[in-house]
C-alpha cells in the first residue's frame, strides 16, 4: 500500500574511507532479520569487511562474497546461517 514502509530490505554500506572498523556494514530491515538475525550480519561483516580481507582480496571480491553469502543463506534451509 502507498505510504507503507517495506521492511524487507538490505543496504550494503561500503566505507573505505572511515579508517576504523569494518569496511562492509549492513542496514537490514526487520523483515529480513527474521530470516537472518543480527549475528549473521555481524559475522558477515567480520569475515569479508575487515581491512585485512579487503587489502588481501580487494573490495570487489569482498562485496561479491558478501552478496553471494546473503543470497545463499536466504535460499538455504541450513541452520549455519542463523546459528
Protein backbone atom coordinates (compact mmCIF):
# COMPACT_ATOMS: atom_id res chain seq x y z
CA UNK A 1 0.00 0.00 0.00
CA UNK A 2 1.10 3.52 -0.60
CA UNK A 3 2.76 5.04 2.43
CA UNK A 4 3.68 1.70 3.97
CA UNK A 5 7.33 1.00 4.53
CA UNK A 6 8.67 -2.26 3.15
CA UNK A 7 10.65 -3.90 5.94
CA UNK A 8 12.36 -6.45 3.68
CA UNK A 9 15.48 -4.64 2.58
CA UNK A 10 19.25 -4.92 2.79
CA UNK A 11 21.52 -1.93 2.31
CA UNK A 12 25.20 -2.75 1.89
CA UNK A 13 27.32 0.17 3.06
CA UNK A 14 30.92 0.24 1.81
CA UNK A 15 33.09 2.67 3.77
CA UNK A 16 36.72 2.51 2.68
CA UNK A 17 37.47 5.99 3.95
CA UNK A 18 36.45 5.71 7.58
CA UNK A 19 39.68 4.04 8.61
CA UNK A 20 38.11 2.29 11.59
CA UNK A 21 36.16 -0.90 11.94
CA UNK A 22 34.90 -2.97 9.06
CA UNK A 23 34.70 -1.72 5.51
CA UNK A 24 31.38 -3.53 4.92
CA UNK A 25 28.35 -2.79 7.04
CA UNK A 26 24.72 -3.71 6.61
CA UNK A 27 21.45 -1.91 7.30
CA UNK A 28 18.77 -4.57 7.40
CA UNK A 29 15.00 -4.28 7.63
CA UNK A 30 13.07 -6.15 10.28
CA UNK A 31 11.53 -8.41 7.64
CA UNK A 32 14.96 -9.75 6.73
CA UNK A 33 16.16 -10.03 10.33
CA UNK A 34 13.54 -12.72 10.85
CA UNK A 35 15.31 -14.90 8.26
CA UNK A 36 18.86 -13.77 9.08
CA UNK A 37 19.33 -12.39 12.59
CA UNK A 38 21.86 -9.79 13.77
CA UNK A 39 24.54 -12.39 14.49
CA UNK A 40 24.61 -13.33 10.78
CA UNK A 41 25.31 -9.73 9.74
CA UNK A 42 27.99 -9.33 12.39
CA UNK A 43 29.74 -12.49 11.23
CA UNK A 44 29.44 -11.49 7.58
CA UNK A 45 30.92 -8.06 8.21
CA UNK A 46 33.67 -9.58 10.35
CA UNK A 47 34.57 -12.11 7.66
CA UNK A 48 34.52 -10.05 4.47
CA UNK A 49 34.57 -6.49 5.74
CA UNK A 50 37.86 -6.40 7.62
CA UNK A 51 40.59 -4.16 6.28
CA UNK A 52 42.85 -7.22 6.19
CA UNK A 53 40.44 -9.18 3.95
CA UNK A 54 39.92 -6.19 1.68
CA UNK A 55 43.66 -5.50 1.44
CA UNK A 56 44.40 -9.15 0.59
CA UNK A 57 41.49 -9.77 -1.81
CA UNK A 58 40.20 -6.40 -2.98
CA UNK A 59 36.96 -4.58 -2.27
CA UNK A 60 35.26 -6.13 -5.31
CA UNK A 61 35.83 -9.66 -4.00
CA UNK A 62 34.70 -8.63 -0.52
CA UNK A 63 31.42 -7.24 -1.87
CA UNK A 64 30.85 -10.19 -4.21
CA UNK A 65 31.49 -12.76 -1.47
CA UNK A 66 29.22 -10.94 0.97
CA UNK A 67 26.35 -10.73 -1.53
CA UNK A 68 26.78 -14.38 -2.52
CA UNK A 69 26.71 -15.40 1.16
CA UNK A 70 23.48 -13.44 1.69
CA UNK A 71 21.81 -15.00 -1.35
CA UNK A 72 22.95 -18.49 -0.38
CA UNK A 73 21.67 -18.11 3.17
CA UNK A 74 18.32 -16.66 2.13
CA UNK A 75 17.81 -19.61 -0.23
CA UNK A 76 19.14 -22.21 2.18
CA UNK A 77 17.40 -24.06 4.95
CA UNK A 78 20.71 -24.76 6.67
CA UNK A 79 20.97 -23.66 10.29
CA UNK A 80 24.52 -22.32 9.96
CA UNK A 81 23.21 -19.04 8.60
CA UNK A 82 21.23 -18.27 11.74
CA UNK A 83 23.20 -20.00 14.49
